[in-house]
Amino acid sequence: MFDPKEYFENKAVFGDEANSYLDDFKLSLRSIVFLGEREYTITKARFYSSKSIDESSYYSREFEEFVDIEVLVEGLYPYHATLGRKFGSKSWQYIPNTAY
């Protein structure tokens, strides 16, 4: 991952490298009903931080780092969601209304 002090930096990882982050994200992904008990792999993960804090946005204020993940469910169905990591935390949290 990148140094979150370097705001708005993007780091994208693909394939096996992206899937290597699965254990880090598994707890957050468990709350996504669509994934349920299905088998899935992460095909892309893009890490980023907000360039500046938007006081009107809860997510911008509360989360230091974000990751957009693209998942292939059961080897067939593409799925996208965003996770966030709060300031001072090492764990990720699923951000609702970001899945498609």
PDB file of N, CA and C in Angstrom:
ATOM      1  N   MET A   1       0.839  -1.183   0.000  1.00  0.00           N
ATOM      2  CA  MET A   1       0.000   0.000   0.000  1.00  0.00           C
ATOM      3  C   MET A   1       0.880   1.242   0.000  1.00  0.00           C
ATOM      4  N   PHE A   2       0.258   2.387  -0.223  1.00  0.00           N
ATOM      5  CA  PHE A   2       1.045   3.608  -0.291  1.00  0.00           C
ATOM      6  C   PHE A   2       0.972   4.386   1.016  1.00  0.00           C
ATOM      7  N   ASP A   3       1.834   5.372   1.143  1.00  0.00           N
ATOM      8  CA  ASP A   3       1.853   6.226   2.326  1.00  0.00           C
ATOM      9  C   ASP A   3       0.642   7.160   2.253  1.00  0.00           C
ATOM     10  N   PRO A   4      -0.338   7.037   3.166  1.00  0.00           N
ATOM     11  CA  PRO A   4      -1.544   7.848   3.083  1.00  0.00           C
ATOM     12  C   PRO A   4      -1.297   9.341   3.264  1.00  0.00           C
ATOM     13  N   LYS A   5      -0.094   9.731   3.680  1.00  0.00           N
ATOM     14  CA  LYS A   5       0.198  11.163   3.803  1.00  0.00           C
ATOM     15  C   LYS A   5       0.363  11.805   2.423  1.00  0.00           C
ATOM     16  N   GLU A   6       0.617  10.988   1.413  1.00  0.00           N
ATOM     17  CA  GLU A   6       0.716  11.486   0.040  1.00  0.00           C
ATOM     18  C   GLU A   6      -0.678  11.428  -0.576  1.00  0.00           C
ATOM     19  N   TYR A   7      -1.461  12.454  -0.328  1.00  0.00           N
ATOM     20  CA  TYR A   7      -2.863  12.434  -0.708  1.00  0.00           C
ATOM     21  C   TYR A   7      -3.079  12.398  -2.208  1.00  0.00           C
ATOM     22  N   PHE A   8      -4.161  11.759  -2.574  1.00  0.00           N
ATOM     23  CA  PHE A   8      -4.632  11.632  -3.944  1.00  0.00           C
ATOM     24  C   PHE A   8      -3.723  10.758  -4.790  1.00  0.00           C
ATOM     25  N   GLU A   9      -2.831  10.031  -4.136  1.00  0.00           N
ATOM     26  CA  GLU A   9      -1.988   9.097  -4.860  1.00  0.00           C
ATOM     27  C   GLU A   9      -2.817   7.859  -5.182  1.00  0.00           C
ATOM     28  N   ASN A  10      -2.625   7.337  -6.358  1.00  0.00           N
ATOM     29  CA  ASN A  10      -3.320   6.126  -6.761  1.00  0.00           C
ATOM     30  C   ASN A  10      -2.326   4.993  -6.904  1.00  0.00           C
ATOM     31  N   LYS A  11      -2.720   3.836  -6.456  1.00  0.00           N
ATOM     32  CA  LYS A  11      -1.924   2.646  -6.692  1.00  0.00           C
ATOM     33  C   LYS A  11      -2.903   1.549  -7.067  1.00  0.00           C
ATOM     34  N   ALA A  12      -2.770   1.026  -8.270  1.00  0.00           N
ATOM     35  CA  ALA A  12      -3.646  -0.046  -8.719  1.00  0.00           C
ATOM     36  C   ALA A  12      -2.847  -1.334  -8.824  1.00  0.00           C
ATOM     37  N   VAL A  13      -3.431  -2.414  -8.355  1.00  0.00           N
ATOM     38  CA  VAL A  13      -2.806  -3.730  -8.477  1.00  0.00           C
ATOM     39  C   VAL A  13      -3.813  -4.665  -9.136  1.00  0.00           C
ATOM     40  N   PHE A  14      -3.310  -5.636  -9.868  1.00  0.00           N
ATOM     41  CA  PHE A  14      -4.164  -6.501 -10.665  1.00  0.00           C
ATOM     42  C   PHE A  14      -3.868  -7.969 -10.397  1.00  0.00           C
ATOM     43  N   GLY A  15      -4.816  -8.827 -10.762  1.00  0.00           N
ATOM     44  CA  GLY A  15      -4.615 -10.277 -10.762  1.00  0.00           C
ATOM     45  C   GLY A  15      -4.168 -10.841  -9.439  1.00  0.00           C
ATOM     46  N   ASP A  16      -3.111 -11.654  -9.469  1.00  0.00           N
ATOM     47  CA  ASP A  16      -2.629 -12.339  -8.267  1.00  0.00           C
ATOM     48  C   ASP A  16      -2.225 -11.359  -7.172  1.00  0.00           C
ATOM     49  N   GLU A  17      -1.605 -10.237  -7.577  1.00  0.00           N
ATOM     50  CA  GLU A  17      -1.203  -9.248  -6.573  1.00  0.00           C
ATOM     51  C   GLU A  17      -2.430  -8.652  -5.885  1.00  0.00           C
ATOM     52  N   ALA A  18      -3.475  -8.338  -6.659  1.00  0.00           N
ATOM     53  CA  ALA A  18      -4.709  -7.803  -6.071  1.00  0.00           C
ATOM     54  C   ALA A  18      -5.345  -8.831  -5.148  1.00  0.00           C
ATOM     55  N   ASN A  19      -5.395 -10.081  -5.580  1.00  0.00           N
ATOM     56  CA  ASN A  19      -6.030 -11.133  -4.796  1.00  0.00           C
ATOM     57  C   ASN A  19      -5.268 -11.420  -3.503  1.00  0.00           C
ATOM     58  N   SER A  20      -3.982 -11.050  -3.458  1.00  0.00           N
ATOM     59  CA  SER A  20      -3.207 -11.274  -2.239  1.00  0.00           C
ATOM     60  C   SER A  20      -3.718 -10.420  -1.077  1.00  0.00           C
ATOM     61  N   TYR A  21      -4.515  -9.377  -1.359  1.00  0.00           N
ATOM     62  CA  TYR A  21      -5.084  -8.527  -0.314  1.00  0.00           C
ATOM     63  C   TYR A  21      -6.392  -9.093   0.249  1.00  0.00           C
ATOM     64  N   LEU A  22      -6.871 -10.208  -0.307  1.00  0.00           N
ATOM     65  CA  LEU A  22      -8.178 -10.746   0.066  1.00  0.00           C
ATOM     66  C   LEU A  22      -8.333 -10.922   1.568  1.00  0.00           C
ATOM     67  N   ASP A  23      -7.326 -11.468   2.240  1.00  0.00           N
ATOM     68  CA  ASP A  23      -7.440 -11.674   3.688  1.00  0.00           C
ATOM     69  C   ASP A  23      -7.635 -10.357   4.436  1.00  0.00           C
ATOM     70  N   ASP A  24      -7.003  -9.287   3.957  1.00  0.00           N
ATOM     71  CA  ASP A  24      -7.160  -7.974   4.589  1.00  0.00           C
ATOM     72  C   ASP A  24      -8.605  -7.471   4.483  1.00  0.00           C
ATOM     73  N   PHE A  25      -9.273  -7.815   3.388  1.00  0.00           N
ATOM     74  CA  PHE A  25     -10.611  -7.276   3.105  1.00  0.00           C
ATOM     75  C   PHE A  25     -11.749  -8.211   3.490  1.00  0.00           C
ATOM     76  N   LYS A  26     -11.442  -9.469   3.802  1.00  0.00           N
ATOM     77  CA  LYS A  26     -12.477 -10.487   3.979  1.00  0.00           C
ATOM     78  C   LYS A  26     -13.549 -10.113   4.997  1.00  0.00           C
ATOM     79  N   LEU A  27     -13.171  -9.560   6.128  1.00  0.00           N
ATOM     80  CA  LEU A  27     -14.137  -9.196   7.155  1.00  0.00           C
ATOM     81  C   LEU A  27     -15.128  -8.164   6.627  1.00  0.00           C
ATOM     82  N   SER A  28     -14.651  -7.176   5.893  1.00  0.00           N
ATOM     83  CA  SER A  28     -15.526  -6.165   5.312  1.00  0.00           C
ATOM     84  C   SER A  28     -16.427  -6.756   4.244  1.00  0.00           C
ATOM     85  N   LEU A  29     -15.876  -7.631   3.429  1.00  0.00           N
ATOM     86  CA  LEU A  29     -16.644  -8.220   2.325  1.00  0.00           C
ATOM     87  C   LEU A  29     -17.735  -9.156   2.826  1.00  0.00           C
ATOM     88  N   ARG A  30     -17.567  -9.698   4.015  1.00  0.00           N
ATOM     89  CA  ARG A  30     -18.559 -10.607   4.591  1.00  0.00           C
ATOM     90  C   ARG A  30     -19.922  -9.932   4.745  1.00  0.00           C
ATOM     91  N   SER A  31     -19.935  -8.605   4.899  1.00  0.00           N
ATOM     92  CA  SER A  31     -21.203  -7.892   5.093  1.00  0.00           C
ATOM     93  C   SER A  31     -21.955  -7.647   3.788  1.00  0.00           C
ATOM     94  N   ILE A  32     -21.362  -8.006   2.646  1.00  0.00           N
ATOM     95  CA  ILE A  32     -22.017  -7.797   1.352  1.00  0.00           C
ATOM     96  C   ILE A  32     -22.864  -9.021   1.038  1.00  0.00           C
ATOM     97  N   VAL A  33     -24.183  -8.830   1.039  1.00  0.00           N
ATOM     98  CA  VAL A  33     -25.123  -9.940   0.878  1.00  0.00           C
ATOM     99  C   VAL A  33     -24.889 -10.695  -0.423  1.00  0.00           C
ATOM    100  N   PHE A  34     -24.627  -9.977  -1.517  1.00  0.00           N
ATOM    101  CA  PHE A  34     -24.455 -10.620  -2.820  1.00  0.00           C
ATOM    102  C   PHE A  34     -23.346 -11.661  -2.804  1.00  0.00           C
ATOM    103  N   LEU A  35     -22.288 -11.400  -2.054  1.00  0.00           N
ATOM    104  CA  LEU A  35     -21.168 -12.337  -2.023  1.00  0.00           C
ATOM    105  C   LEU A  35     -21.503 -13.584  -1.213  1.00  0.00           C
ATOM    106  N   GLY A  36     -22.245 -13.400  -0.116  1.00  0.00           N
ATOM    107  CA  GLY A  36     -22.693 -14.522   0.699  1.00  0.00           C
ATOM    108  C   GLY A  36     -21.646 -15.600   0.855  1.00  0.00           C
ATOM    109  N   GLU A  37     -22.015 -16.810   0.536  1.00  0.00           N
ATOM    110  CA  GLU A  37     -21.113 -17.956   0.644  1.00  0.00           C
ATOM    111  C   GLU A  37     -20.445 -18.276  -0.691  1.00  0.00           C
ATOM    112  N   ARG A  38     -20.547 -17.388  -1.659  1.00  0.00           N
ATOM    113  CA  ARG A  38     -19.993 -17.640  -2.989  1.00  0.00           C
ATOM    114  C   ARG A  38     -18.470 -17.552  -2.999  1.00  0.00           C
ATOM    115  N   GLU A  39     -17.877 -18.222  -3.962  1.00  0.00           N
ATOM    116  CA  GLU A  39     -16.438 -18.137  -4.184  1.00  0.00           C
ATOM    117  C   GLU A  39     -16.150 -16.885  -5.016  1.00  0.00           C
ATOM    118  N   TYR A  40     -15.107 -16.162  -4.671  1.00  0.00           N
ATOM    119  CA  TYR A  40     -14.760 -14.975  -5.456  1.00  0.00           C
ATOM    120  C   TYR A  40     -13.267 -14.710  -5.361  1.00  0.00           C
ATOM    121  N   THR A  41     -12.777 -13.981  -6.363  1.00  0.00           N
ATOM    122  CA  THR A  41     -11.382 -13.543  -6.367  1.00  0.00           C
ATOM    123  C   THR A  41     -11.353 -12.060  -6.686  1.00  0.00           C
ATOM    124  N   ILE A  42     -10.372 -11.371  -6.145  1.00  0.00           N
ATOM    125  CA  ILE A  42     -10.193  -9.954  -6.449  1.00  0.00           C
ATOM    126  C   ILE A  42      -9.343  -9.851  -7.711  1.00  0.00           C
ATOM    127  N   THR A  43      -9.839  -9.145  -8.712  1.00  0.00           N
ATOM    128  CA  THR A  43      -9.102  -8.993  -9.962  1.00  0.00           C
ATOM    129  C   THR A  43      -8.372  -7.657 -10.045  1.00  0.00           C
ATOM    130  N   LYS A  44      -8.875  -6.639  -9.308  1.00  0.00           N
ATOM    131  CA  LYS A  44      -8.233  -5.321  -9.323  1.00  0.00           C
ATOM    132  C   LYS A  44      -8.510  -4.626  -7.998  1.00  0.00           C
ATOM    133  N   ALA A  45      -7.497  -3.940  -7.477  1.00  0.00           N
ATOM    134  CA  ALA A  45      -7.664  -3.118  -6.280  1.00  0.00           C
ATOM    135  C   ALA A  45      -6.956  -1.790  -6.535  1.00  0.00           C
ATOM    136  N   ARG A  46      -7.689  -0.691  -6.348  1.00  0.00           N
ATOM    137  CA  ARG A  46      -7.104   0.640  -6.562  1.00  0.00           C
ATOM    138  C   ARG A  46      -7.175   1.407  -5.248  1.00  0.00           C
ATOM    139  N   PHE A  47      -6.018   1.705  -4.676  1.00  0.00           N
ATOM    140  CA  PHE A  47      -5.925   2.415  -3.401  1.00  0.00           C
ATOM    141  C   PHE A  47      -5.790   3.914  -3.655  1.00  0.00           C
ATOM    142  N   TYR A  48      -6.451   4.717  -2.822  1.00  0.00           N
ATOM    143  CA  TYR A  48      -6.330   6.165  -2.959  1.00  0.00           C
ATOM    144  C   TYR A  48      -6.743   6.853  -1.663  1.00  0.00           C
ATOM    145  N   SER A  49      -6.374   8.131  -1.533  1.00  0.00           N
ATOM    146  CA  SER A  49      -6.799   8.985  -0.429  1.00  0.00           C
ATOM    147  C   SER A  49      -7.432  10.244  -1.018  1.00  0.00           C
ATOM    148  N   SER A  50      -8.258  10.901  -0.219  1.00  0.00           N
ATOM    149  CA  SER A  50      -8.865  12.144  -0.666  1.00  0.00           C
ATOM    150  C   SER A  50      -7.797  13.220  -0.787  1.00  0.00           C
ATOM    151  N   LYS A  51      -7.919  14.051  -1.802  1.00  0.00           N
ATOM    152  CA  LYS A  51      -6.957  15.142  -1.990  1.00  0.00           C
ATOM    153  C   LYS A  51      -7.116  16.173  -0.878  1.00  0.00           C
ATOM    154  N   SER A  52      -8.358  16.440  -0.514  1.00  0.00           N
ATOM    155  CA  SER A  52      -8.623  17.359   0.598  1.00  0.00           C
ATOM    156  C   SER A  52      -9.898  16.905   1.304  1.00  0.00           C
ATOM    157  N   ILE A  53     -10.002  17.210   2.571  1.00  0.00           N
ATOM    158  CA  ILE A  53     -11.163  16.784   3.354  1.00  0.00           C
ATOM    159  C   ILE A  53     -12.349  17.680   3.051  1.00  0.00           C
ATOM    160  N   ASP A  54     -13.467  17.065   2.703  1.00  0.00           N
ATOM    161  CA  ASP A  54     -14.716  17.771   2.464  1.00  0.00           C
ATOM    162  C   ASP A  54     -15.546  17.645   3.744  1.00  0.00           C
ATOM    163  N   GLU A  55     -15.682  18.738   4.476  1.00  0.00           N
ATOM    164  CA  GLU A  55     -16.369  18.701   5.771  1.00  0.00           C
ATOM    165  C   GLU A  55     -17.823  18.252   5.649  1.00  0.00           C
ATOM    166  N   SER A  56     -18.422  18.399   4.467  1.00  0.00           N
ATOM    167  CA  SER A  56     -19.818  18.002   4.295  1.00  0.00           C
ATOM    168  C   SER A  56     -19.955  16.512   3.998  1.00  0.00           C
ATOM    169  N   SER A  57     -18.838  15.830   3.783  1.00  0.00           N
ATOM    170  CA  SER A  57     -18.865  14.405   3.447  1.00  0.00           C
ATOM    171  C   SER A  57     -18.351  13.582   4.616  1.00  0.00           C
ATOM    172  N   TYR A  58     -19.210  12.747   5.161  1.00  0.00           N
ATOM    173  CA  TYR A  58     -18.813  11.874   6.271  1.00  0.00           C
ATOM    174  C   TYR A  58     -17.613  11.027   5.888  1.00  0.00           C
ATOM    175  N   TYR A  59     -17.639  10.444   4.694  1.00  0.00           N
ATOM    176  CA  TYR A  59     -16.562   9.537   4.285  1.00  0.00           C
ATOM    177  C   TYR A  59     -15.235  10.268   4.127  1.00  0.00           C
ATOM    178  N   SER A  60     -15.271  11.466   3.586  1.00  0.00           N
ATOM    179  CA  SER A  60     -14.048  12.246   3.428  1.00  0.00           C
ATOM    180  C   SER A  60     -13.460  12.621   4.792  1.00  0.00           C
ATOM    181  N   ARG A  61     -14.319  12.931   5.747  1.00  0.00           N
ATOM    182  CA  ARG A  61     -13.864  13.328   7.088  1.00  0.00           C
ATOM    183  C   ARG A  61     -13.365  12.145   7.907  1.00  0.00           C
ATOM    184  N   GLU A  62     -14.028  10.997   7.785  1.00  0.00           N
ATOM    185  CA  GLU A  62     -13.776   9.874   8.677  1.00  0.00           C
ATOM    186  C   GLU A  62     -12.774   8.847   8.157  1.00  0.00           C
ATOM    187  N   PHE A  63     -12.556   8.810   6.841  1.00  0.00           N
ATOM    188  CA  PHE A  63     -11.707   7.773   6.279  1.00  0.00           C
ATOM    189  C   PHE A  63     -10.430   8.359   5.700  1.00  0.00           C
ATOM    190  N   GLU A  64      -9.331   7.710   6.027  1.00  0.00           N
ATOM    191  CA  GLU A  64      -8.017   8.156   5.574  1.00  0.00           C
ATOM    192  C   GLU A  64      -7.678   7.588   4.198  1.00  0.00           C
ATOM    193  N   GLU A  65      -8.075   6.358   3.968  1.00  0.00           N
ATOM    194  CA  GLU A  65      -7.675   5.652   2.752  1.00  0.00           C
ATOM    195  C   GLU A  65      -8.861   4.858   2.227  1.00  0.00           C
ATOM    196  N   PHE A  66      -8.944   4.739   0.912  1.00  0.00           N
ATOM    197  CA  PHE A  66     -10.012   3.988   0.263  1.00  0.00           C
ATOM    198  C   PHE A  66      -9.402   2.972  -0.686  1.00  0.00           C
ATOM    199  N   VAL A  67     -10.188   1.939  -0.992  1.00  0.00           N
ATOM    200  CA  VAL A  67      -9.797   0.989  -2.028  1.00  0.00           C
ATOM    201  C   VAL A  67     -11.047   0.598  -2.811  1.00  0.00           C
ATOM    202  N   ASP A  68     -10.988   0.786  -4.117  1.00  0.00           N
ATOM    203  CA  ASP A  68     -12.028   0.277  -5.011  1.00  0.00           C
ATOM    204  C   ASP A  68     -11.587  -1.107  -5.414  1.00  0.00           C
ATOM    205  N   ILE A  69     -12.445  -2.090  -5.173  1.00  0.00           N
ATOM    206  CA  ILE A  69     -12.067  -3.452  -5.559  1.00  0.00           C
ATOM    207  C   ILE A  69     -13.023  -3.975  -6.624  1.00  0.00           C
ATOM    208  N   GLU A  70     -12.464  -4.710  -7.554  1.00  0.00           N
ATOM    209  CA  GLU A  70     -13.251  -5.416  -8.547  1.00  0.00           C
ATOM    210  C   GLU A  70     -13.075  -6.896  -8.265  1.00  0.00           C
ATOM    211  N   VAL A  71     -14.190  -7.585  -8.179  1.00  0.00           N
ATOM    212  CA  VAL A  71     -14.203  -8.982  -7.785  1.00  0.00           C
ATOM    213  C   VAL A  71     -14.858  -9.800  -8.887  1.00  0.00           C
ATOM    214  N   LEU A  72     -14.367 -11.002  -9.096  1.00  0.00           N
ATOM    215  CA  LEU A  72     -15.014 -11.937 -10.014  1.00  0.00           C
ATOM    216  C   LEU A  72     -15.620 -13.034  -9.150  1.00  0.00           C
ATOM    217  N   VAL A  73     -16.964 -13.078  -9.152  1.00  0.00           N
ATOM    218  CA  VAL A  73     -17.693 -14.018  -8.306  1.00  0.00           C
ATOM    219  C   VAL A  73     -17.964 -15.294  -9.090  1.00  0.00           C
ATOM    220  N   GLU A  74     -17.591 -16.401  -8.498  1.00  0.00           N
ATOM    221  CA  GLU A  74     -17.780 -17.719  -9.112  1.00  0.00           C
ATOM    222  C   GLU A  74     -17.207 -17.775 -10.528  1.00  0.00           C
ATOM    223  N   GLY A  75     -16.134 -16.993 -10.749  1.00  0.00           N
ATOM    224  CA  GLY A  75     -15.463 -17.009 -12.043  1.00  0.00           C
ATOM    225  C   GLY A  75     -16.274 -16.454 -13.180  1.00  0.00           C
ATOM    226  N   LEU A  76     -17.422 -15.798 -12.888  1.00  0.00           N
ATOM    227  CA  LEU A  76     -18.338 -15.377 -13.947  1.00  0.00           C
ATOM    228  C   LEU A  76     -18.906 -13.976 -13.783  1.00  0.00           C
ATOM    229  N   TYR A  77     -19.254 -13.602 -12.560  1.00  0.00           N
ATOM    230  CA  TYR A  77     -19.973 -12.353 -12.334  1.00  0.00           C
ATOM    231  C   TYR A  77     -19.041 -11.252 -11.816  1.00  0.00           C
ATOM    232  N   PRO A  78     -18.853 -10.181 -12.586  1.00  0.00           N
ATOM    233  CA  PRO A  78     -18.026  -9.063 -12.083  1.00  0.00           C
ATOM    234  C   PRO A  78     -18.786  -8.281 -11.010  1.00  0.00           C
ATOM    235  N   TYR A  79     -18.057  -7.771 -10.039  1.00  0.00           N
ATOM    236  CA  TYR A  79     -18.668  -7.047  -8.928  1.00  0.00           C
ATOM    237  C   TYR A  79     -17.681  -5.993  -8.453  1.00  0.00           C
ATOM    238  N   HIS A  80     -18.189  -4.831  -8.075  1.00  0.00           N
ATOM    239  CA  HIS A  80     -17.344  -3.720  -7.628  1.00  0.00           C
ATOM    240  C   HIS A  80     -17.867  -3.182  -6.304  1.00  0.00           C
ATOM    241  N   ALA A  81     -16.955  -2.834  -5.413  1.00  0.00           N
ATOM    242  CA  ALA A  81     -17.327  -2.203  -4.154  1.00  0.00           C
ATOM    243  C   ALA A  81     -16.161  -1.345  -3.670  1.00  0.00           C
ATOM    244  N   THR A  82     -16.451  -0.434  -2.750  1.00  0.00           N
ATOM    245  CA  THR A  82     -15.414   0.415  -2.164  1.00  0.00           C
ATOM    246  C   THR A  82     -15.333   0.149  -0.666  1.00  0.00           C
ATOM    247  N   LEU A  83     -14.103   0.055  -0.181  1.00  0.00           N
ATOM    248  CA  LEU A  83     -13.849  -0.097   1.246  1.00  0.00           C
ATOM    249  C   LEU A  83     -13.065   1.122   1.713  1.00  0.00           C
ATOM    250  N   GLY A  84     -13.196   1.451   2.994  1.00  0.00           N
ATOM    251  CA  GLY A  84     -12.458   2.573   3.550  1.00  0.00           C
ATOM    252  C   GLY A  84     -11.749   2.167   4.832  1.00  0.00           C
ATOM    253  N   ARG A  85     -10.664   2.865   5.119  1.00  0.00           N
ATOM    254  CA  ARG A  85      -9.912   2.628   6.355  1.00  0.00           C
ATOM    255  C   ARG A  85      -9.893   3.933   7.137  1.00  0.00           C
ATOM    256  N   LYS A  86     -10.425   3.899   8.352  1.00  0.00           N
ATOM    257  CA  LYS A  86     -10.513   5.110   9.163  1.00  0.00           C
ATOM    258  C   LYS A  86      -9.137   5.548   9.649  1.00  0.00           C
ATOM    259  N   PHE A  87      -9.032   6.822   9.990  1.00  0.00           N
ATOM    260  CA  PHE A  87      -7.785   7.376  10.519  1.00  0.00           C
ATOM    261  C   PHE A  87      -7.346   6.570  11.745  1.00  0.00           C
ATOM    262  N   GLY A  88      -6.104   6.131  11.742  1.00  0.00           N
ATOM    263  CA  GLY A  88      -5.553   5.404  12.872  1.00  0.00           C
ATOM    264  C   GLY A  88      -5.969   3.946  12.971  1.00  0.00           C
ATOM    265  N   SER A  89      -6.714   3.450  12.001  1.00  0.00           N
ATOM    266  CA  SER A  89      -7.178   2.058  12.035  1.00  0.00           C
ATOM    267  C   SER A  89      -6.399   1.208  11.042  1.00  0.00           C
ATOM    268  N   LYS A  90      -6.325  -0.091  11.323  1.00  0.00           N
ATOM    269  CA  LYS A  90      -5.684  -1.007  10.397  1.00  0.00           C
ATOM    270  C   LYS A  90      -6.719  -1.857   9.660  1.00  0.00           C
ATOM    271  N   SER A  91      -7.986  -1.750  10.059  1.00  0.00           N
ATOM    272  CA  SER A  91      -9.022  -2.578   9.429  1.00  0.00           C
ATOM    273  C   SER A  91      -9.822  -1.774   8.409  1.00  0.00           C
ATOM    274  N   TRP A  92     -10.427  -2.510   7.474  1.00  0.00           N
ATOM    275  CA  TRP A  92     -11.208  -1.903   6.390  1.00  0.00           C
ATOM    276  C   TRP A  92     -12.693  -2.063   6.664  1.00  0.00           C
ATOM    277  N   GLN A  93     -13.478  -1.147   6.119  1.00  0.00           N
ATOM    278  CA  GLN A  93     -14.924  -1.154   6.317  1.00  0.00           C
ATOM    279  C   GLN A  93     -15.597  -0.984   4.959  1.00  0.00           C
ATOM    280  N   TYR A  94     -16.616  -1.795   4.693  1.00  0.00           N
ATOM    281  CA  TYR A  94     -17.377  -1.673   3.447  1.00  0.00           C
ATOM    282  C   TYR A  94     -18.169  -0.365   3.469  1.00  0.00           C
ATOM    283  N   ILE A  95     -18.129   0.381   2.385  1.00  0.00           N
ATOM    284  CA  ILE A  95     -18.886   1.622   2.274  1.00  0.00           C
ATOM    285  C   ILE A  95     -20.156   1.335   1.482  1.00  0.00           C
ATOM    286  N   PRO A  96     -21.316   1.390   2.111  1.00  0.00           N
ATOM    287  CA  PRO A  96     -22.579   1.055   1.426  1.00  0.00           C
ATOM    288  C   PRO A  96     -22.828   1.942   0.210  1.00  0.00           C
ATOM    289  N   ASN A  97     -23.646   1.435  -0.671  1.00  0.00           N
ATOM    290  CA  ASN A  97     -24.068   2.145  -1.889  1.00  0.00           C
ATOM    291  C   ASN A  97     -22.919   2.391  -2.874  1.00  0.00           C
ATOM    292  N   THR A  98     -21.899   1.565  -2.828  1.00  0.00           N
ATOM    293  CA  THR A  98     -20.801   1.702  -3.781  1.00  0.00           C
ATOM    294  C   THR A  98     -20.694   0.462  -4.661  1.00  0.00           C
ATOM    295  N   ALA A  99     -21.547  -0.511  -4.413  1.00  0.00           N
ATOM    296  CA  ALA A  99     -21.450  -1.782  -5.152  1.00  0.00           C
ATOM    297  C   ALA A  99     -22.239  -1.722  -6.451  1.00  0.00           C
ATOM    298  N   TYR A 100     -21.691  -2.388  -7.449  1.00  0.00           N
ATOM    299  CA  TYR A 100     -22.429  -2.605  -8.707  1.00  0.00           C
ATOM    300  C   TYR A 100     -21.854  -3.772  -9.443  1.00  0.00           C
TER     301      TYR A 100
END
